[in-house]
Amino acid sequence: MVEDQPVREESIPVVRNGRVLAVITRHTNLAMMRTPAGWS
């Protein structure tokens, strides 16, 4: 079973000489809590 989870999508175009060569995207699962560094 797959559940819907909130996701943040960020996109950054890679542009050279006025032309888009690529688009870099990052998908972040907002449901996962982050753990501070040094904690386990």
C-alpha atoms as a PDB file:
ATOM      1  CA  MET A   1       0.000   0.000   0.000  1.00  0.00           C
ATOM      2  CA  VAL A   2       1.359   3.419  -0.955  1.00  0.00           C
ATOM      3  CA  GLU A   3       0.264   6.472   0.982  1.00  0.00           C
ATOM      4  CA  ASP A   4       0.345  10.055  -0.219  1.00  0.00           C
ATOM      5  CA  GLN A   5       3.029  12.033   1.555  1.00  0.00           C
ATOM      6  CA  PRO A   6       3.703  15.767   1.431  1.00  0.00           C
ATOM      7  CA  VAL A   7       6.674  16.458  -0.839  1.00  0.00           C
ATOM      8  CA  ARG A   8       8.505  19.692  -1.607  1.00  0.00           C
ATOM      9  CA  GLU A   9       9.912  19.931  -5.130  1.00  0.00           C
ATOM     10  CA  GLU A  10      12.612  22.467  -5.935  1.00  0.00           C
ATOM     11  CA  SER A  11      13.827  23.093  -9.494  1.00  0.00           C
ATOM     12  CA  ILE A  12      16.907  25.000 -10.649  1.00  0.00           C
ATOM     13  CA  PRO A  13      17.492  25.635 -14.357  1.00  0.00           C
ATOM     14  CA  VAL A  14      21.072  25.376 -15.636  1.00  0.00           C
ATOM     15  CA  VAL A  15      21.482  28.201 -18.156  1.00  0.00           C
ATOM     16  CA  ARG A  16      24.440  28.982 -20.422  1.00  0.00           C
ATOM     17  CA  ASN A  17      24.487  31.683 -23.096  1.00  0.00           C
ATOM     18  CA  GLY A  18      20.758  32.228 -22.617  1.00  0.00           C
ATOM     19  CA  ARG A  19      19.865  28.578 -23.273  1.00  0.00           C
ATOM     20  CA  VAL A  20      18.563  26.104 -20.723  1.00  0.00           C
ATOM     21  CA  LEU A  21      20.864  23.077 -20.768  1.00  0.00           C
ATOM     22  CA  ALA A  22      19.296  21.125 -17.910  1.00  0.00           C
ATOM     23  CA  VAL A  23      16.990  21.352 -14.923  1.00  0.00           C
ATOM     24  CA  ILE A  24      18.113  20.068 -11.535  1.00  0.00           C
ATOM     25  CA  THR A  25      15.291  18.969  -9.239  1.00  0.00           C
ATOM     26  CA  ARG A  26      15.187  17.900  -5.619  1.00  0.00           C
ATOM     27  CA  HIS A  27      12.253  16.157  -3.954  1.00  0.00           C
ATOM     28  CA  THR A  28      12.055  16.376  -0.155  1.00  0.00           C
ATOM     29  CA  ASN A  29       9.719  14.219   1.919  1.00  0.00           C
ATOM     30  CA  LEU A  30       8.156  16.660   4.401  1.00  0.00           C
ATOM     31  CA  ALA A  31       6.781  13.843   6.566  1.00  0.00           C
ATOM     32  CA  MET A  32      10.242  12.722   7.705  1.00  0.00           C
ATOM     33  CA  MET A  33      11.555  14.468  10.791  1.00  0.00           C
ATOM     34  CA  ARG A  34      15.161  15.581  10.765  1.00  0.00           C
ATOM     35  CA  THR A  35      17.511  14.544  13.530  1.00  0.00           C
ATOM     36  CA  PRO A  36      20.043  17.120  14.775  1.00  0.00           C
ATOM     37  CA  ALA A  37      23.694  16.263  14.075  1.00  0.00           C
ATOM     38  CA  GLY A  38      25.330  14.309  16.889  1.00  0.00           C
ATOM     39  CA  TRP A  39      22.093  12.629  18.020  1.00  0.00           C
ATOM     40  CA  SER A  40      21.305   9.015  17.335  1.00  0.00           C
END
